Protein backbone atom coordinates (compact mmCIF):
# COMPACT_ATOMS: atom_id res chain seq x y z
CA MET A 1 0.00 0.00 0.00
CA LYS A 2 1.12 3.54 -0.76
CA TYR A 3 0.76 6.10 2.03
CA LEU A 4 0.04 9.77 1.45
CA ARG A 5 3.59 11.10 1.68
CA HIS A 6 2.79 14.67 2.66
CA THR A 7 1.22 13.59 5.95
CA VAL A 8 3.47 10.65 6.72
CA ILE A 9 1.13 8.87 9.10
CA VAL A 10 1.93 13.47 8.19
CA PHE A 11 1.34 16.70 6.18
CA GLY A 12 -7.62 18.58 -0.39
CA LEU A 13 -10.76 17.20 -0.22
CA PHE A 14 -12.13 17.28 -3.77
CA SER A 15 -11.06 18.12 -7.27
CA VAL A 16 -11.91 21.69 -8.24
CA ALA A 17 -15.02 20.52 -10.05
CA GLY A 18 -16.10 18.45 -7.05
CA ALA A 19 -15.57 21.38 -4.69
CA GLN A 20 -17.67 23.63 -6.90
CA SER A 21 -20.49 21.11 -6.78
CA ALA A 22 -20.25 20.71 -2.99
CA ILE A 23 -20.44 24.46 -2.33
CA ALA A 24 -23.24 24.96 -4.83
CA GLN A 25 -25.37 22.38 -2.97
CA ALA A 26 -24.40 23.35 0.59
CA PRO A 27 -27.34 24.62 2.70
CA PRO A 28 -26.95 28.01 4.47
CA GLU A 29 -26.68 26.35 7.90
CA SER A 30 -23.56 24.46 6.80
CA GLY A 31 -21.43 27.50 7.71
CA MET A 32 -20.10 27.93 4.17
CA SER A 33 -20.25 31.39 2.62
CA MET A 34 -22.32 31.35 -0.54
CA PRO A 35 -21.51 33.73 -3.42
CA ARG A 36 -24.19 36.38 -3.74
CA SER A 37 -25.76 37.47 -6.96
CA GLY A 38 -23.19 39.28 -9.08
CA GLN A 39 -20.23 37.80 -7.16
CA SER A 40 -17.84 35.30 -8.69
CA ASP A 41 -17.69 31.76 -7.43
CA PRO A 42 -14.75 31.71 -4.96
CA VAL A 43 -13.74 28.23 -6.09
CA ALA A 44 -13.26 29.41 -9.67
CA ASN A 45 -9.96 31.02 -8.72
CA GLU A 46 -7.63 28.25 -9.82
CA GLY A 47 -4.32 29.81 -10.86
CA VAL A 48 -4.92 32.92 -8.73
CA ILE A 49 -2.71 33.67 -5.73
CA GLU A 50 -4.42 36.15 -3.43
CA ASP A 51 -2.24 38.21 -1.11
CA ASN A 52 -4.70 37.80 1.75
CA ALA A 53 -4.46 33.99 1.49
CA VAL A 54 -0.66 34.06 1.70
CA ASP A 55 -0.81 36.59 4.53
CA ALA A 56 -3.19 34.29 6.42
CA LEU A 57 -0.65 31.46 6.22
CA LYS A 58 2.11 33.75 7.46
CA ASP A 59 -0.02 35.00 10.36
CA MET A 60 -0.89 31.41 11.31
CA GLY A 61 2.75 30.28 11.21
CA ASN A 62 3.97 33.31 13.14
CA PHE A 63 1.35 32.77 15.83
CA LEU A 64 2.17 29.08 16.23
CA ARG A 65 5.89 29.78 16.44
CA GLY A 66 5.30 32.65 18.84
CA ALA A 67 3.69 30.50 21.52
CA THR A 68 6.03 29.32 24.29
CA THR A 69 4.17 26.02 24.55
CA LEU A 70 1.34 24.41 22.59
CA GLU A 71 -0.87 21.39 22.97
CA ALA A 72 -2.99 20.04 20.14
CA HIS A 73 -5.31 17.10 19.58
CA GLY A 74 -6.09 15.96 16.04
CA VAL A 75 -8.81 13.56 14.93
CA GLY A 76 -8.48 12.52 11.33
CA SER A 77 -8.35 9.98 8.57
CA LEU A 78 -5.68 8.97 6.10
CA ASP A 79 -6.13 7.18 2.79
CA VAL A 80 -3.89 4.32 1.79
CA VAL A 81 -3.98 2.98 -1.74
CA THR A 82 -3.82 -0.72 -2.57
CA ASN A 83 -1.74 -2.04 -5.44
CA ASN A 84 -4.86 -2.18 -7.62
CA GLY A 85 -5.70 1.46 -6.94
CA GLN A 86 -8.43 1.10 -4.29
CA ARG A 87 -8.46 3.75 -1.57
CA ILE A 88 -8.75 2.50 2.01
CA GLN A 89 -9.46 5.01 4.77
CA LEU A 90 -7.81 4.68 8.19
CA ASP A 91 -8.87 6.74 11.20
CA GLY A 92 -6.56 7.85 13.97
CA THR A 93 -5.75 10.49 16.57
CA THR A 94 -2.63 12.58 17.01
CA ASP A 95 -1.64 14.43 20.18
CA TYR A 96 1.07 17.07 20.32
CA LYS A 97 3.00 18.72 23.13
CA ILE A 98 5.40 21.40 21.92
CA ARG A 99 7.87 23.47 23.90
CA LYS A 100 9.86 26.35 22.42
CA PRO A 101 12.65 26.12 21.42
CA ASN A 102 13.60 22.53 22.16
CA GLY A 103 11.02 19.94 23.04
CA PHE A 104 8.10 18.04 21.58
CA VAL A 105 6.13 14.84 22.03
CA LEU A 106 3.87 13.50 19.32
CA ASP A 107 1.59 10.49 19.81
CA TYR A 108 -0.17 8.89 16.86
CA ASN A 109 -2.69 6.13 17.58
CA SER A 110 -4.89 3.98 15.37
CA ASP A 111 -5.99 0.36 15.32
CA ILE A 112 -3.34 -0.27 12.67
CA LYS A 113 -0.37 1.63 14.04
CA SER A 114 0.84 3.54 17.10
CA ARG A 115 3.96 5.68 17.29
CA ARG A 116 5.44 8.14 19.76
CA PHE A 117 8.07 10.72 18.74
CA ILE A 118 9.94 12.44 21.59
CA TYR A 119 12.52 15.22 21.56
CA ASP A 120 13.85 16.39 24.93
CA GLY A 121 16.34 18.98 23.73
CA LYS A 122 19.20 16.51 23.35
CA THR A 123 17.80 13.21 22.05
CA PHE A 124 15.17 12.23 19.48
CA THR A 125 13.33 8.95 20.08
CA VAL A 126 10.87 6.93 18.03
CA TYR A 127 8.83 4.47 20.10
CA SER A 128 6.40 1.77 18.98
CA PRO A 129 4.37 0.90 22.10
CA LYS A 130 2.46 -1.98 20.53
CA LEU A 131 5.61 -3.62 19.19
CA GLY A 132 7.77 -2.75 22.18
CA TYR A 133 10.67 -1.27 20.21
CA TYR A 134 12.34 2.14 20.36
CA ALA A 135 15.27 3.91 18.74
CA SER A 136 17.10 7.00 20.03
CA VAL A 137 19.63 9.27 18.33
CA PRO A 138 21.47 12.45 19.40
CA ALA A 139 19.58 15.53 18.24
CA PRO A 140 20.37 19.20 17.50
CA ALA A 141 19.51 22.03 19.87
CA THR A 142 16.21 23.34 18.41
CA ASN A 143 12.91 21.95 17.20
CA ARG A 144 13.43 23.27 13.70
CA GLU A 145 16.90 21.73 13.39
CA VAL A 146 15.57 18.41 14.65
CA LEU A 147 12.73 18.36 12.10
CA GLU A 148 15.18 19.02 9.27
CA THR A 149 17.70 16.47 10.54
CA ILE A 150 15.29 13.58 11.02
CA TYR A 151 13.79 14.17 7.59
CA ASN A 152 17.10 14.43 5.75
CA LYS A 153 18.84 11.63 7.62
CA PHE A 154 16.05 9.21 8.50
CA GLY A 155 13.19 10.10 6.14
CA ILE A 156 10.86 10.97 9.03
CA SER A 157 8.44 13.84 8.42
CA LEU A 158 6.14 14.52 11.36
CA PRO A 159 2.45 15.31 10.90
CA LEU A 160 1.53 18.98 10.48
CA GLU A 161 5.05 20.34 10.88
CA ASP A 162 4.50 22.41 7.72
CA LEU A 163 1.93 24.54 9.54
CA PHE A 164 4.70 26.05 11.65
CA ARG A 165 6.95 26.92 8.71
CA TRP A 166 4.82 29.48 6.86
CA GLY A 167 6.18 32.99 7.33
CA SER A 168 9.52 31.79 8.66
CA ASP A 169 12.90 32.74 7.24
CA GLY A 170 13.70 30.74 4.13
CA ASP A 171 10.07 29.98 3.30
CA ASP A 172 9.92 32.41 0.34
CA GLU A 173 10.74 29.67 -2.16
CA ARG A 174 7.72 27.65 -1.17
CA ILE A 175 5.47 30.69 -1.39
CA LYS A 176 6.83 31.39 -4.87
CA ALA A 177 6.08 27.78 -5.83
CA LEU A 178 2.37 28.12 -5.04
CA GLN A 179 0.27 27.61 -8.15
CA SER A 180 -2.87 29.01 -6.56
CA GLY A 181 -4.08 30.26 -3.19
CA TYR A 182 -7.36 31.93 -2.38
CA LYS A 183 -10.09 32.34 0.19
CA VAL A 184 -13.02 29.99 -0.40
CA GLY A 185 -15.26 31.50 2.27
CA THR A 186 -16.02 31.10 5.96
CA ALA A 187 -17.14 28.13 8.02
CA THR A 188 -17.90 27.22 11.62
CA ILE A 189 -15.59 24.37 12.68
CA ASP A 190 -16.35 22.79 16.05
CA GLY A 191 -17.88 26.05 17.27
CA PHE A 192 -15.09 28.33 16.01
CA GLU A 193 -15.56 30.88 13.22
CA THR A 194 -12.89 30.26 10.59
CA ASP A 195 -11.68 31.48 7.22
CA HIS A 196 -11.38 28.71 4.65
CA TYR A 197 -8.45 28.82 2.21
CA ALA A 198 -7.47 26.56 -0.68
CA PHE A 199 -3.96 26.15 -2.07
CA ARG A 200 -2.27 24.24 -4.86
CA GLU A 201 1.39 23.24 -4.90
CA PRO A 202 3.14 21.20 -7.62
CA ASP A 203 2.28 17.83 -6.03
CA VAL A 204 -0.60 18.51 -3.64
CA ASP A 205 -3.87 20.36 -3.25
CA TRP A 206 -4.66 21.41 0.29
CA GLU A 207 -7.13 23.39 2.34
CA VAL A 208 -6.91 24.97 5.76
CA TRP A 209 -9.55 26.51 8.00
CA ILE A 210 -7.96 29.23 10.18
CA GLN A 211 -9.65 30.58 13.27
CA GLN A 212 -10.73 34.21 13.04
CA GLY A 213 -9.55 36.79 15.59
CA ASP A 214 -6.31 37.22 17.49
CA GLN A 215 -5.52 33.49 17.65
CA PRO A 216 -5.20 32.31 14.01
CA LEU A 217 -5.11 28.61 14.84
CA PRO A 218 -5.64 26.00 12.12
CA ARG A 219 -8.85 24.16 12.98
CA LYS A 220 -9.08 21.81 10.01
CA LEU A 221 -6.66 20.62 7.36
CA VAL A 222 -7.26 18.62 4.18
CA ILE A 223 -4.53 17.43 1.81
CA VAL A 224 -4.79 15.60 -1.52
CA ASP A 225 -1.82 13.86 -3.13
CA ARG A 226 -2.00 14.65 -6.86
CA ASN A 227 0.90 12.33 -7.72
CA ASP A 228 -1.37 9.32 -7.28
CA PRO A 229 -4.31 8.84 -9.70
CA ALA A 230 -6.40 7.64 -6.73
CA ARG A 231 -5.97 11.07 -5.09
CA PRO A 232 -5.38 9.77 -1.52
CA THR A 233 -6.50 12.28 1.09
CA PHE A 234 -5.55 13.26 4.62
CA ILE A 235 -8.13 15.07 6.80
CA THR A 236 -7.82 16.26 10.39
CA ARG A 237 -9.69 18.50 12.82
CA LEU A 238 -7.61 20.18 15.49
CA SER A 239 -8.24 21.44 19.02
CA TRP A 240 -5.60 23.56 20.78
CA LYS A 241 -4.30 24.79 24.12
CA VAL A 242 -2.03 27.83 23.91
CA ASN A 243 0.81 28.16 26.45
CA PRO A 244 -0.05 25.22 28.75
CA THR A 245 2.37 24.49 31.60
CA TYR A 246 4.88 21.67 31.09
CA SER A 247 7.82 20.26 33.03
CA ASP A 248 10.94 18.52 31.72
CA ALA A 249 9.31 15.20 32.64
CA ASP A 250 6.68 15.76 29.94
CA PHE A 251 9.41 15.50 27.29
CA THR A 252 11.42 12.67 28.86
CA PHE A 253 11.26 9.19 27.37
CA VAL A 254 11.40 6.34 29.87
CA PRO A 255 11.29 2.94 28.12
CA ASP A 256 9.08 0.19 29.41
CA ALA A 257 10.97 -2.58 31.19
CA ASN A 258 10.19 -4.97 28.33
CA SER A 259 10.98 -2.53 25.51
CA LYS A 260 13.93 -3.29 23.25
CA LYS A 261 16.26 -0.70 21.76
CA ILE A 262 16.95 -0.95 18.03
CA GLN A 263 18.89 1.06 15.46
CA LEU A 264 17.13 3.82 13.54
CA ALA A 265 17.58 3.09 9.84
CA THR A 266 19.23 5.78 7.70
CA TYR A 267 17.10 7.04 4.84
CA GLN A 268 18.68 6.21 1.48
CA GLY A 269 16.31 8.23 -0.68
CA PRO A 270 14.34 7.08 -3.74
CA GLY A 271 16.31 4.94 -6.13
CA GLU A 272 19.28 4.58 -3.79
């Protein structure tokens, strides 16, 4: 089975035509903004990059990076694609604890797979609680350096890490690579008023619903892999706590007495 690479476990909902149909049929109580008479359909903006959409991503990324600590809970589904092209949907939850500048814990749980990723400021650990194995490696001094190192060296890309990168130094190239980005409308997600944006990059279509007001938190994320004809999709809804209190113990990995330490395999890259 082929997993949706951009989300890993991490990181669009319909084709453009499908999205147009969904919005056209959505009832007013759905929370979606409907184009009024004389207004253009907001989903007809393929190829357009609106400044306000890019600014919304930057504001979101700056806010997330500006918090001293964050806690998030995601409930979502991920498509896997069988060798004959059938999409299979797997549900799971992801919990995040993040400390600036050097600590995070990420727990992913589903009936198929469970993983814990821990960074305590010095060591990065991958733990499989169901299998009873873990692997630890020395890690750089900051969250950002760790994310880059584990991806480049071990091929590990953690769910939703991209959300923190928008607006950061060195992100201009990705913004320039956007093929489209525009505001679709507004929607109420789990009781929060949000602005709904759609983006297209060379390999993926994705949507994000960003909370309105002074806390631009992403409340929903949808990603479609356009490299695969089956268009596998990742969807998650997110709840957040901003600046919760943590201790060093929250980011310390203590293996179970029966857990076995193994070596973390080095990523060779495609074709190597």
